[in-house]
């Protein structure tokens, strides 16, 4: 590929790492959050980083999460799942959002990340079996946290990430654990999107 810069974001138990590569002229490196993005999503195995491809012809492409089945979650404006068997598959975004960004995938092929509109109002998502859901729709309605971005999911389905306090709009970390089906009478959160504080949207835009 001839790229001069490369960085990894995820690694599995087999030592396979994923990330992105580029050069000085086409790498985005915002100092505000330290997240690097380049034109090519790659998988390092045996010291060689083949290009995983992209969805569409423009924009950075970054591979972030990888499981032990060498299934990779990544984004190129649209979220995608890559595997040896099927190559790159579009997993999209929630509803009519314009950006989907997977951040982690577990060994049960469940993925999480963030789904955002054009103004970078984002919501954490949960993806499984080719279906994507707003994670906020899967928790009780009285949850004090609006989940903005899910950053990690483990093999028992526990999800970590960050969100905003619904009352104070302060940024908070969250841990969501899977539960049995809700008892009769319990309602879940509305699917109405929450407009995020400017500070949160500004960080996501960068």
N, C-alpha and C. Protein backbone atom coordinates (compact mmCIF):
# COMPACT_ATOMS: atom_id res chain seq x y z
N UNK A 1 0.82 -1.21 0.00
CA UNK A 1 0.00 0.00 0.00
C UNK A 1 0.85 1.26 0.00
N UNK A 2 2.04 1.17 0.54
CA UNK A 2 2.93 2.32 0.58
C UNK A 2 2.62 3.33 1.66
N UNK A 3 1.74 3.00 2.61
CA UNK A 3 1.42 3.93 3.70
C UNK A 3 2.60 4.05 4.65
N UNK A 4 2.75 5.25 5.22
CA UNK A 4 3.86 5.50 6.13
C UNK A 4 3.44 5.54 7.59
N UNK A 5 2.13 5.51 7.86
CA UNK A 5 1.64 5.59 9.24
C UNK A 5 0.59 4.51 9.47
N UNK A 6 0.61 3.95 10.66
CA UNK A 6 -0.38 2.93 11.00
C UNK A 6 -0.56 2.87 12.51
N UNK A 7 -1.75 2.49 12.94
CA UNK A 7 -2.03 2.41 14.37
C UNK A 7 -3.11 1.36 14.60
N UNK A 8 -3.06 0.70 15.74
CA UNK A 8 -4.00 -0.37 16.06
C UNK A 8 -4.90 0.05 17.20
N UNK A 9 -6.16 -0.46 17.16
CA UNK A 9 -7.14 -0.15 18.21
C UNK A 9 -7.64 -1.38 18.94
N UNK A 10 -7.54 -2.54 18.32
CA UNK A 10 -8.06 -3.74 18.96
C UNK A 10 -7.18 -4.94 18.66
N UNK A 11 -7.21 -5.94 19.57
CA UNK A 11 -6.43 -7.16 19.38
C UNK A 11 -7.20 -8.32 20.02
N UNK A 12 -7.16 -9.48 19.39
CA UNK A 12 -7.84 -10.64 19.96
C UNK A 12 -6.85 -11.59 20.62
N UNK A 13 -7.35 -12.72 21.11
CA UNK A 13 -6.50 -13.67 21.83
C UNK A 13 -5.51 -14.41 20.93
N UNK A 14 -5.69 -14.29 19.62
CA UNK A 14 -4.77 -14.93 18.67
C UNK A 14 -3.67 -13.98 18.22
N UNK A 15 -3.66 -12.76 18.75
CA UNK A 15 -2.63 -11.79 18.38
C UNK A 15 -2.92 -11.06 17.08
N UNK A 16 -4.14 -11.17 16.56
CA UNK A 16 -4.54 -10.42 15.37
C UNK A 16 -5.00 -9.03 15.80
N UNK A 17 -4.46 -8.01 15.17
CA UNK A 17 -4.77 -6.64 15.55
C UNK A 17 -5.43 -5.91 14.40
N UNK A 18 -6.25 -4.93 14.72
CA UNK A 18 -6.94 -4.13 13.70
C UNK A 18 -6.74 -2.65 13.97
N UNK A 19 -6.84 -1.88 12.90
CA UNK A 19 -6.68 -0.44 13.02
C UNK A 19 -6.84 0.23 11.68
N UNK A 20 -5.98 1.20 11.40
CA UNK A 20 -6.07 1.97 10.16
C UNK A 20 -4.68 2.41 9.76
N UNK A 21 -4.50 2.67 8.47
CA UNK A 21 -3.22 3.18 7.98
C UNK A 21 -3.45 4.33 7.01
N UNK A 22 -2.39 5.11 6.81
CA UNK A 22 -2.43 6.23 5.88
C UNK A 22 -1.05 6.86 5.79
N UNK A 23 -1.01 8.10 5.37
CA UNK A 23 0.25 8.84 5.35
C UNK A 23 0.03 10.25 5.86
N UNK A 24 1.07 11.04 5.89
CA UNK A 24 0.99 12.37 6.52
C UNK A 24 -0.05 13.27 5.86
N UNK A 25 -0.36 13.01 4.58
CA UNK A 25 -1.29 13.87 3.88
C UNK A 25 -2.74 13.49 4.00
N UNK A 26 -3.05 12.29 4.50
CA UNK A 26 -4.45 11.88 4.53
C UNK A 26 -4.90 11.27 5.86
N UNK A 27 -4.16 11.56 6.91
CA UNK A 27 -4.50 11.06 8.24
C UNK A 27 -5.13 12.18 9.06
N UNK A 28 -6.27 11.89 9.68
CA UNK A 28 -6.90 12.83 10.60
C UNK A 28 -6.46 12.48 12.01
N UNK A 29 -5.86 13.46 12.70
CA UNK A 29 -5.34 13.21 14.05
C UNK A 29 -5.73 14.36 14.96
N UNK A 30 -7.03 14.48 15.31
CA UNK A 30 -7.46 15.56 16.19
C UNK A 30 -6.84 15.46 17.57
N UNK A 31 -6.16 16.50 17.99
CA UNK A 31 -5.47 16.48 19.29
C UNK A 31 -6.45 16.42 20.45
N UNK A 32 -7.70 16.82 20.20
CA UNK A 32 -8.66 16.90 21.31
C UNK A 32 -9.00 15.54 21.88
N UNK A 33 -9.04 14.51 21.05
CA UNK A 33 -9.42 13.20 21.60
C UNK A 33 -8.41 12.10 21.31
N UNK A 34 -7.37 12.39 20.53
CA UNK A 34 -6.32 11.41 20.29
C UNK A 34 -6.70 10.26 19.39
N UNK A 35 -7.88 10.31 18.76
CA UNK A 35 -8.33 9.23 17.89
C UNK A 35 -7.82 9.48 16.48
N UNK A 36 -7.05 8.53 15.95
CA UNK A 36 -6.48 8.65 14.62
C UNK A 36 -7.35 7.93 13.60
N UNK A 37 -7.48 8.52 12.43
CA UNK A 37 -8.29 7.92 11.37
C UNK A 37 -7.58 8.08 10.04
N UNK A 38 -7.55 7.00 9.26
CA UNK A 38 -6.92 7.02 7.95
C UNK A 38 -7.83 6.46 6.89
N UNK A 39 -7.38 6.42 5.65
CA UNK A 39 -8.23 5.97 4.55
C UNK A 39 -8.43 4.46 4.47
N UNK A 40 -7.62 3.67 5.17
CA UNK A 40 -7.71 2.23 5.04
C UNK A 40 -7.85 1.53 6.39
N UNK A 41 -8.87 0.69 6.50
CA UNK A 41 -9.01 -0.21 7.66
C UNK A 41 -8.18 -1.45 7.38
N UNK A 42 -7.42 -1.92 8.38
CA UNK A 42 -6.51 -3.03 8.14
C UNK A 42 -6.56 -4.05 9.27
N UNK A 43 -6.12 -5.26 8.92
CA UNK A 43 -5.97 -6.36 9.88
C UNK A 43 -4.52 -6.81 9.84
N UNK A 44 -3.82 -6.73 10.99
CA UNK A 44 -2.44 -7.21 11.05
C UNK A 44 -2.43 -8.69 11.44
N UNK A 45 -1.87 -9.53 10.58
CA UNK A 45 -1.65 -10.92 10.92
C UNK A 45 -0.34 -11.35 10.27
N UNK A 46 0.51 -11.94 11.06
CA UNK A 46 1.85 -12.32 10.60
C UNK A 46 2.63 -11.13 10.06
N UNK A 47 2.40 -9.96 10.68
CA UNK A 47 3.16 -8.77 10.32
C UNK A 47 2.71 -8.06 9.07
N UNK A 48 1.66 -8.54 8.41
CA UNK A 48 1.18 -7.94 7.16
C UNK A 48 -0.20 -7.33 7.38
N UNK A 49 -0.42 -6.04 7.00
CA UNK A 49 -1.72 -5.40 7.20
C UNK A 49 -2.52 -5.24 5.91
N UNK A 50 -3.25 -6.28 5.44
CA UNK A 50 -4.05 -6.12 4.23
C UNK A 50 -5.19 -5.13 4.41
N UNK A 51 -5.51 -4.41 3.33
CA UNK A 51 -6.63 -3.46 3.32
C UNK A 51 -7.93 -4.25 3.34
N UNK A 52 -8.83 -3.93 4.29
CA UNK A 52 -10.10 -4.63 4.41
C UNK A 52 -11.15 -4.11 3.44
N UNK A 53 -10.87 -3.00 2.77
CA UNK A 53 -11.84 -2.41 1.86
C UNK A 53 -12.63 -1.30 2.53
N UNK A 54 -13.62 -0.79 1.82
CA UNK A 54 -14.43 0.31 2.35
C UNK A 54 -15.83 0.25 1.76
N UNK A 55 -16.74 0.97 2.42
CA UNK A 55 -18.09 1.15 1.92
C UNK A 55 -18.16 2.55 1.32
N UNK A 56 -18.40 2.66 0.03
CA UNK A 56 -18.37 3.96 -0.62
C UNK A 56 -16.96 4.32 -1.02
N UNK A 57 -16.79 5.51 -1.55
CA UNK A 57 -15.50 5.91 -2.11
C UNK A 57 -14.82 7.04 -1.35
N UNK A 58 -15.45 7.57 -0.32
CA UNK A 58 -14.89 8.71 0.39
C UNK A 58 -14.90 8.46 1.89
N UNK A 59 -14.07 9.25 2.59
CA UNK A 59 -14.06 9.19 4.05
C UNK A 59 -13.06 8.21 4.61
N UNK A 60 -12.71 8.43 5.86
CA UNK A 60 -11.78 7.55 6.56
C UNK A 60 -12.45 6.21 6.86
N UNK A 61 -11.64 5.18 6.96
CA UNK A 61 -12.13 3.85 7.29
C UNK A 61 -11.26 3.28 8.41
N UNK A 62 -11.88 2.94 9.52
CA UNK A 62 -11.13 2.53 10.71
C UNK A 62 -11.70 1.23 11.26
N UNK A 63 -10.85 0.23 11.46
CA UNK A 63 -11.24 -1.01 12.13
C UNK A 63 -10.92 -0.87 13.62
N UNK A 64 -11.90 -1.13 14.47
CA UNK A 64 -11.72 -0.86 15.90
C UNK A 64 -11.79 -2.11 16.75
N UNK A 65 -12.79 -2.96 16.54
CA UNK A 65 -12.96 -4.14 17.39
C UNK A 65 -12.77 -5.43 16.63
N UNK A 66 -12.22 -6.46 17.28
CA UNK A 66 -12.04 -7.78 16.66
C UNK A 66 -12.27 -8.86 17.72
N UNK A 67 -12.96 -9.93 17.32
CA UNK A 67 -13.16 -11.04 18.25
C UNK A 67 -12.26 -12.20 17.89
N UNK A 68 -12.39 -13.32 18.60
CA UNK A 68 -11.51 -14.46 18.37
C UNK A 68 -11.89 -15.27 17.14
N UNK A 69 -12.99 -14.90 16.47
CA UNK A 69 -13.39 -15.53 15.22
C UNK A 69 -12.91 -14.71 14.03
N UNK A 70 -12.06 -13.71 14.30
CA UNK A 70 -11.55 -12.78 13.28
C UNK A 70 -12.70 -12.08 12.58
N UNK A 71 -13.71 -11.70 13.34
CA UNK A 71 -14.79 -10.86 12.85
C UNK A 71 -14.51 -9.45 13.37
N UNK A 72 -14.61 -8.46 12.49
CA UNK A 72 -14.13 -7.12 12.79
C UNK A 72 -15.25 -6.12 12.66
N UNK A 73 -15.39 -5.27 13.66
CA UNK A 73 -16.33 -4.17 13.61
C UNK A 73 -15.60 -2.88 13.29
N UNK A 74 -16.15 -2.10 12.37
CA UNK A 74 -15.47 -0.88 11.95
C UNK A 74 -16.45 0.07 11.30
N UNK A 75 -15.93 1.22 10.83
CA UNK A 75 -16.82 2.20 10.22
C UNK A 75 -16.13 2.95 9.11
N UNK A 76 -16.93 3.32 8.13
CA UNK A 76 -16.54 4.20 7.04
C UNK A 76 -17.75 5.07 6.77
N UNK A 77 -18.09 5.94 7.75
CA UNK A 77 -19.36 6.66 7.83
C UNK A 77 -20.49 5.68 8.15
N UNK A 78 -20.62 4.61 7.41
CA UNK A 78 -21.54 3.54 7.75
C UNK A 78 -20.79 2.47 8.52
N UNK A 79 -21.47 1.83 9.47
CA UNK A 79 -20.83 0.75 10.20
C UNK A 79 -20.73 -0.49 9.34
N UNK A 80 -19.67 -1.27 9.53
CA UNK A 80 -19.58 -2.53 8.81
C UNK A 80 -18.99 -3.62 9.68
N UNK A 81 -19.30 -4.85 9.29
CA UNK A 81 -18.75 -6.05 9.91
C UNK A 81 -17.95 -6.77 8.83
N UNK A 82 -16.70 -7.11 9.14
CA UNK A 82 -15.86 -7.83 8.19
C UNK A 82 -15.55 -9.22 8.73
N UNK A 83 -15.63 -10.22 7.85
CA UNK A 83 -15.23 -11.59 8.20
C UNK A 83 -14.56 -12.22 6.98
N UNK A 84 -13.79 -13.28 7.22
CA UNK A 84 -13.11 -13.95 6.11
C UNK A 84 -14.13 -14.55 5.14
N UNK A 85 -15.24 -15.04 5.67
CA UNK A 85 -16.23 -15.72 4.84
C UNK A 85 -17.01 -14.74 3.96
N UNK A 86 -17.39 -13.60 4.52
CA UNK A 86 -18.31 -12.71 3.82
C UNK A 86 -17.72 -11.35 3.44
N UNK A 87 -16.45 -11.11 3.81
CA UNK A 87 -15.88 -9.81 3.51
C UNK A 87 -16.58 -8.72 4.29
N UNK A 88 -16.78 -7.56 3.66
CA UNK A 88 -17.37 -6.42 4.33
C UNK A 88 -18.88 -6.40 4.14
N UNK A 89 -19.62 -6.31 5.28
CA UNK A 89 -21.07 -6.26 5.25
C UNK A 89 -21.54 -5.00 5.95
N UNK A 90 -22.42 -4.27 5.32
CA UNK A 90 -22.95 -3.03 5.88
C UNK A 90 -23.92 -3.36 7.01
N UNK A 91 -23.65 -2.84 8.22
CA UNK A 91 -24.61 -3.00 9.30
C UNK A 91 -25.34 -1.70 9.59
N UNK A 92 -24.97 -0.63 8.89
CA UNK A 92 -25.74 0.59 8.89
C UNK A 92 -25.70 1.40 10.17
N UNK A 93 -26.84 2.04 10.45
CA UNK A 93 -26.99 2.91 11.61
C UNK A 93 -28.42 2.76 12.11
N UNK A 94 -28.74 3.39 13.22
CA UNK A 94 -30.09 3.31 13.77
C UNK A 94 -31.02 4.23 12.97
N UNK A 95 -32.15 3.69 12.57
CA UNK A 95 -33.20 4.46 11.89
C UNK A 95 -32.61 5.26 10.73
N UNK A 96 -32.81 6.59 10.72
CA UNK A 96 -32.33 7.42 9.62
C UNK A 96 -31.04 8.15 9.95
N UNK A 97 -30.27 7.66 10.92
CA UNK A 97 -28.98 8.27 11.25
C UNK A 97 -28.04 8.18 10.05
N UNK A 98 -27.09 9.12 10.00
CA UNK A 98 -26.16 9.18 8.86
C UNK A 98 -24.83 8.51 9.13
N UNK A 99 -24.49 8.28 10.40
CA UNK A 99 -23.19 7.72 10.76
C UNK A 99 -23.38 6.55 11.70
N UNK A 100 -22.72 5.43 11.40
CA UNK A 100 -22.69 4.29 12.30
C UNK A 100 -21.25 3.94 12.62
N UNK A 101 -20.93 3.80 13.90
CA UNK A 101 -19.53 3.57 14.30
C UNK A 101 -19.44 2.44 15.31
N UNK A 102 -19.27 1.18 14.87
CA UNK A 102 -19.04 0.08 15.81
C UNK A 102 -17.72 0.27 16.54
N UNK A 103 -17.68 -0.12 17.79
CA UNK A 103 -16.44 0.02 18.57
C UNK A 103 -15.97 -1.29 19.17
N UNK A 104 -16.85 -2.29 19.28
CA UNK A 104 -16.46 -3.55 19.91
C UNK A 104 -17.37 -4.67 19.42
N UNK A 105 -16.81 -5.87 19.30
CA UNK A 105 -17.59 -7.05 18.93
C UNK A 105 -17.12 -8.22 19.78
N UNK A 106 -18.05 -8.99 20.34
CA UNK A 106 -17.67 -10.10 21.19
C UNK A 106 -17.68 -11.41 20.41
N UNK A 107 -17.38 -12.52 21.08
CA UNK A 107 -17.29 -13.81 20.40
C UNK A 107 -18.65 -14.42 20.08
N UNK A 108 -19.73 -13.76 20.51
CA UNK A 108 -21.08 -14.19 20.13
C UNK A 108 -21.59 -13.38 18.95
N UNK A 109 -20.72 -12.60 18.34
CA UNK A 109 -21.04 -11.77 17.18
C UNK A 109 -22.05 -10.69 17.51
N UNK A 110 -21.99 -10.17 18.72
CA UNK A 110 -22.77 -9.01 19.12
C UNK A 110 -21.86 -7.79 19.07
N UNK A 111 -22.33 -6.71 18.48
CA UNK A 111 -21.51 -5.51 18.33
C UNK A 111 -22.20 -4.31 18.97
N UNK A 112 -21.39 -3.37 19.44
CA UNK A 112 -21.91 -2.12 20.01
C UNK A 112 -21.11 -0.95 19.45
N UNK A 113 -21.67 0.23 19.61
CA UNK A 113 -20.99 1.44 19.16
C UNK A 113 -21.89 2.64 19.31
N UNK A 114 -21.77 3.59 18.37
CA UNK A 114 -22.59 4.80 18.39
C UNK A 114 -23.19 5.07 17.03
N UNK A 115 -24.41 5.59 17.03
CA UNK A 115 -25.12 5.93 15.80
C UNK A 115 -25.50 7.40 15.90
N UNK A 116 -25.15 8.20 14.87
CA UNK A 116 -25.27 9.66 14.97
C UNK A 116 -26.01 10.26 13.78
N UNK A 117 -26.69 11.38 14.03
CA UNK A 117 -27.28 12.13 12.93
C UNK A 117 -26.27 13.16 12.41
N UNK A 118 -26.68 13.99 11.48
CA UNK A 118 -25.76 14.93 10.85
C UNK A 118 -25.24 15.99 11.82
N UNK A 119 -25.95 16.21 12.94
CA UNK A 119 -25.54 17.19 13.94
C UNK A 119 -24.74 16.55 15.07
N UNK A 120 -24.39 15.29 14.92
CA UNK A 120 -23.64 14.52 15.91
C UNK A 120 -24.39 14.37 17.23
N UNK A 121 -25.72 14.27 17.13
CA UNK A 121 -26.50 13.77 18.25
C UNK A 121 -26.45 12.25 18.14
N UNK A 122 -25.74 11.62 19.04
CA UNK A 122 -25.48 10.18 18.93
C UNK A 122 -26.22 9.39 20.00
N UNK A 123 -26.39 8.13 19.72
CA UNK A 123 -27.02 7.21 20.67
C UNK A 123 -26.30 5.87 20.59
N UNK A 124 -26.12 5.25 21.74
CA UNK A 124 -25.45 3.95 21.78
C UNK A 124 -26.32 2.92 21.08
N UNK A 125 -25.67 2.00 20.34
CA UNK A 125 -26.45 0.96 19.69
C UNK A 125 -25.96 -0.43 20.10
N UNK A 126 -26.86 -1.39 19.93
CA UNK A 126 -26.58 -2.81 20.12
C UNK A 126 -26.99 -3.51 18.84
N UNK A 127 -26.07 -4.33 18.26
CA UNK A 127 -26.32 -5.03 17.00
C UNK A 127 -26.15 -6.52 17.19
N UNK A 128 -27.11 -7.28 16.68
CA UNK A 128 -27.04 -8.74 16.75
C UNK A 128 -27.90 -9.34 15.65
N UNK A 129 -27.36 -10.32 14.94
CA UNK A 129 -28.10 -11.06 13.91
C UNK A 129 -28.70 -10.11 12.87
N UNK A 130 -27.91 -9.17 12.42
CA UNK A 130 -28.29 -8.23 11.37
C UNK A 130 -29.43 -7.30 11.76
N UNK A 131 -29.63 -7.11 13.06
CA UNK A 131 -30.62 -6.16 13.55
C UNK A 131 -29.94 -5.18 14.50
N UNK A 132 -30.19 -3.88 14.31
CA UNK A 132 -29.58 -2.86 15.14
C UNK A 132 -30.65 -2.14 15.95
N UNK A 133 -30.36 -1.89 17.22
CA UNK A 133 -31.31 -1.22 18.11
C UNK A 133 -30.62 -0.10 18.87
N UNK A 134 -31.38 0.95 19.14
CA UNK A 134 -30.94 1.99 20.06
C UNK A 134 -30.86 1.36 21.45
N UNK A 135 -29.69 1.38 22.06
CA UNK A 135 -29.53 0.75 23.37
C UNK A 135 -30.43 1.40 24.42
N UNK A 136 -30.78 2.66 24.23
CA UNK A 136 -31.66 3.34 25.17
C UNK A 136 -33.08 2.78 25.16
N UNK A 137 -33.46 2.09 24.06
CA UNK A 137 -34.77 1.47 24.00
C UNK A 137 -34.84 0.16 24.77
N UNK A 138 -33.69 -0.34 25.22
CA UNK A 138 -33.63 -1.65 25.85
C UNK A 138 -33.47 -1.57 27.36
N UNK A 139 -33.59 -0.38 27.92
CA UNK A 139 -33.45 -0.19 29.37
C UNK A 139 -34.74 0.41 29.93
N UNK A 140 -34.96 0.31 31.25
CA UNK A 140 -36.17 0.90 31.85
C UNK A 140 -36.27 2.39 31.56
N UNK A 141 -37.51 2.87 31.46
CA UNK A 141 -37.77 4.26 31.10
C UNK A 141 -37.19 5.24 32.11
N UNK A 142 -37.07 4.83 33.38
CA UNK A 142 -36.57 5.74 34.40
C UNK A 142 -35.05 5.70 34.56
N UNK A 143 -34.34 5.13 33.59
CA UNK A 143 -32.87 5.12 33.65
C UNK A 143 -32.35 6.55 33.72
N UNK A 144 -31.43 6.86 34.64
CA UNK A 144 -30.94 8.24 34.79
C UNK A 144 -29.96 8.66 33.71
N UNK A 145 -29.45 7.71 32.92
CA UNK A 145 -28.41 7.99 31.93
C UNK A 145 -28.95 7.79 30.52
N UNK A 146 -28.72 8.77 29.65
CA UNK A 146 -28.95 8.60 28.22
C UNK A 146 -27.64 8.11 27.63
N UNK A 147 -27.64 6.91 27.09
CA UNK A 147 -26.40 6.29 26.62
C UNK A 147 -26.04 6.80 25.22
N UNK A 148 -24.92 7.49 25.14
CA UNK A 148 -24.49 8.14 23.90
C UNK A 148 -23.64 7.23 23.03
N UNK A 149 -22.68 6.54 23.65
CA UNK A 149 -21.75 5.71 22.87
C UNK A 149 -21.35 4.50 23.70
N UNK A 150 -21.57 3.32 23.12
CA UNK A 150 -21.14 2.08 23.76
C UNK A 150 -19.74 1.74 23.25
N UNK A 151 -18.80 1.56 24.15
CA UNK A 151 -17.40 1.38 23.75
C UNK A 151 -16.91 -0.06 23.85
N UNK A 152 -17.61 -0.92 24.60
CA UNK A 152 -17.10 -2.28 24.78
C UNK A 152 -18.22 -3.22 25.14
N UNK A 153 -18.17 -4.46 24.62
CA UNK A 153 -19.09 -5.52 25.03
C UNK A 153 -18.28 -6.78 25.26
N UNK A 154 -18.51 -7.46 26.39
CA UNK A 154 -17.77 -8.69 26.67
C UNK A 154 -18.59 -9.91 26.29
N UNK A 155 -18.07 -11.09 26.57
CA UNK A 155 -18.70 -12.32 26.09
C UNK A 155 -19.94 -12.73 26.87
N UNK A 156 -20.26 -12.06 27.97
CA UNK A 156 -21.52 -12.33 28.66
C UNK A 156 -22.54 -11.23 28.37
N UNK A 157 -22.20 -10.33 27.46
CA UNK A 157 -23.14 -9.31 27.03
C UNK A 157 -23.16 -8.04 27.85
N UNK A 158 -22.19 -7.88 28.76
CA UNK A 158 -22.12 -6.64 29.52
C UNK A 158 -21.51 -5.54 28.65
N UNK A 159 -22.11 -4.35 28.71
CA UNK A 159 -21.73 -3.26 27.82
C UNK A 159 -21.28 -2.06 28.64
N UNK A 160 -20.11 -1.52 28.28
CA UNK A 160 -19.60 -0.30 28.92
C UNK A 160 -19.61 0.82 27.89
N UNK A 161 -19.71 2.04 28.39
CA UNK A 161 -19.69 3.18 27.48
C UNK A 161 -19.85 4.47 28.25
N UNK A 162 -20.28 5.52 27.54
CA UNK A 162 -20.49 6.80 28.21
C UNK A 162 -21.78 7.45 27.72
N UNK A 163 -22.33 8.28 28.57
CA UNK A 163 -23.57 8.96 28.25
C UNK A 163 -23.69 10.26 29.02
N UNK A 164 -24.91 10.79 29.07
CA UNK A 164 -25.14 12.03 29.80
C UNK A 164 -26.24 11.82 30.83
N UNK A 165 -26.07 12.47 31.97
CA UNK A 165 -27.09 12.46 33.01
C UNK A 165 -28.30 13.23 32.48
N UNK A 166 -29.48 12.64 32.52
CA UNK A 166 -30.67 13.26 31.95
C UNK A 166 -31.06 14.55 32.66
N UNK A 167 -30.67 14.70 33.93
CA UNK A 167 -31.04 15.90 34.67
C UNK A 167 -29.97 16.97 34.59
N UNK A 168 -28.72 16.60 34.78
CA UNK A 168 -27.65 17.59 34.85
C UNK A 168 -26.90 17.77 33.53
N UNK A 169 -27.06 16.83 32.59
CA UNK A 169 -26.36 16.81 31.30
C UNK A 169 -24.84 16.65 31.47
N UNK A 170 -24.41 16.18 32.64
CA UNK A 170 -23.00 15.88 32.84
C UNK A 170 -22.67 14.53 32.20
N UNK A 171 -21.45 14.40 31.70
CA UNK A 171 -21.03 13.16 31.07
C UNK A 171 -20.73 12.11 32.13
N UNK A 172 -21.25 10.91 31.92
CA UNK A 172 -21.09 9.83 32.88
C UNK A 172 -20.74 8.52 32.16
N UNK A 173 -19.95 7.68 32.81
CA UNK A 173 -19.70 6.33 32.32
C UNK A 173 -20.89 5.45 32.71
N UNK A 174 -21.15 4.39 31.92
CA UNK A 174 -22.21 3.46 32.28
C UNK A 174 -21.76 2.02 32.08
N UNK A 175 -22.39 1.13 32.81
CA UNK A 175 -22.24 -0.31 32.63
C UNK A 175 -23.65 -0.89 32.53
N UNK A 176 -23.96 -1.53 31.41
CA UNK A 176 -25.27 -2.12 31.19
C UNK A 176 -25.13 -3.63 31.17
N UNK A 177 -25.96 -4.31 31.95
CA UNK A 177 -25.92 -5.77 32.03
C UNK A 177 -27.20 -6.35 31.44
N UNK A 178 -27.11 -7.46 30.68
CA UNK A 178 -28.33 -8.07 30.14
C UNK A 178 -29.19 -8.61 31.26
N UNK A 179 -30.50 -8.53 31.05
CA UNK A 179 -31.45 -8.99 32.07
C UNK A 179 -32.49 -9.89 31.42
N UNK A 180 -33.25 -10.57 32.25
CA UNK A 180 -34.36 -11.37 31.77
C UNK A 180 -35.42 -10.44 31.19
N UNK A 181 -36.37 -10.97 30.41
CA UNK A 181 -37.42 -10.13 29.87
C UNK A 181 -38.11 -9.34 30.97
N UNK A 182 -38.51 -8.10 30.64
CA UNK A 182 -39.11 -7.22 31.64
C UNK A 182 -40.44 -7.79 32.15
N UNK A 183 -40.70 -7.66 33.46
CA UNK A 183 -41.97 -8.13 34.01
C UNK A 183 -43.14 -7.37 33.37
N UNK A 184 -44.33 -7.94 33.42
CA UNK A 184 -45.52 -7.26 32.90
C UNK A 184 -45.68 -5.91 33.57
N UNK A 185 -45.95 -4.90 32.76
CA UNK A 185 -46.15 -3.56 33.31
C UNK A 185 -44.91 -2.69 33.27
N UNK A 186 -43.72 -3.28 33.08
CA UNK A 186 -42.51 -2.47 33.02
C UNK A 186 -42.38 -1.90 31.61
N UNK A 187 -42.15 -0.60 31.53
CA UNK A 187 -41.98 0.05 30.23
C UNK A 187 -40.52 0.35 29.98
N UNK A 188 -40.14 0.34 28.71
CA UNK A 188 -38.78 0.70 28.35
C UNK A 188 -38.75 2.12 27.83
N UNK A 189 -37.54 2.64 27.65
CA UNK A 189 -37.39 4.03 27.27
C UNK A 189 -37.97 4.30 25.89
N UNK A 190 -38.38 5.53 25.67
CA UNK A 190 -38.91 5.95 24.38
C UNK A 190 -37.79 6.00 23.35
N UNK A 191 -38.16 5.81 22.08
CA UNK A 191 -37.17 5.87 21.02
C UNK A 191 -36.90 7.30 20.55
N UNK A 192 -37.51 8.29 21.20
CA UNK A 192 -37.29 9.68 20.82
C UNK A 192 -35.84 10.05 21.10
N UNK A 193 -35.17 10.59 20.09
CA UNK A 193 -33.77 10.97 20.24
C UNK A 193 -33.61 12.13 21.22
N UNK A 194 -32.52 12.10 21.95
CA UNK A 194 -32.21 13.19 22.87
C UNK A 194 -31.17 14.10 22.22
N UNK A 195 -31.42 15.41 22.24
CA UNK A 195 -30.44 16.37 21.75
C UNK A 195 -29.33 16.49 22.79
N UNK A 196 -28.11 16.26 22.39
CA UNK A 196 -26.99 16.25 23.32
C UNK A 196 -26.48 17.66 23.60
N UNK A 197 -25.84 17.85 24.75
CA UNK A 197 -25.20 19.14 25.04
C UNK A 197 -24.16 19.45 23.96
N UNK A 198 -23.94 20.74 23.71
CA UNK A 198 -22.99 21.14 22.67
C UNK A 198 -21.62 20.55 22.93
N UNK A 199 -21.19 20.50 24.19
CA UNK A 199 -19.85 19.97 24.50
C UNK A 199 -19.71 18.53 24.06
N UNK A 200 -20.77 17.72 24.26
CA UNK A 200 -20.72 16.31 23.86
C UNK A 200 -20.73 16.19 22.35
N UNK A 201 -21.59 16.96 21.67
CA UNK A 201 -21.63 16.90 20.21
C UNK A 201 -20.33 17.36 19.58
N UNK A 202 -19.70 18.37 20.20
CA UNK A 202 -18.43 18.89 19.68
C UNK A 202 -17.35 17.84 19.78
N UNK A 203 -17.30 17.09 20.88
CA UNK A 203 -16.31 16.03 21.05
C UNK A 203 -16.53 14.93 20.02
N UNK A 204 -17.78 14.57 19.79
CA UNK A 204 -18.07 13.50 18.83
C UNK A 204 -17.72 13.95 17.41
N UNK A 205 -17.96 15.21 17.08
CA UNK A 205 -17.65 15.72 15.75
C UNK A 205 -16.16 15.71 15.49
N UNK A 206 -15.36 15.95 16.54
CA UNK A 206 -13.92 15.94 16.37
C UNK A 206 -13.37 14.53 16.25
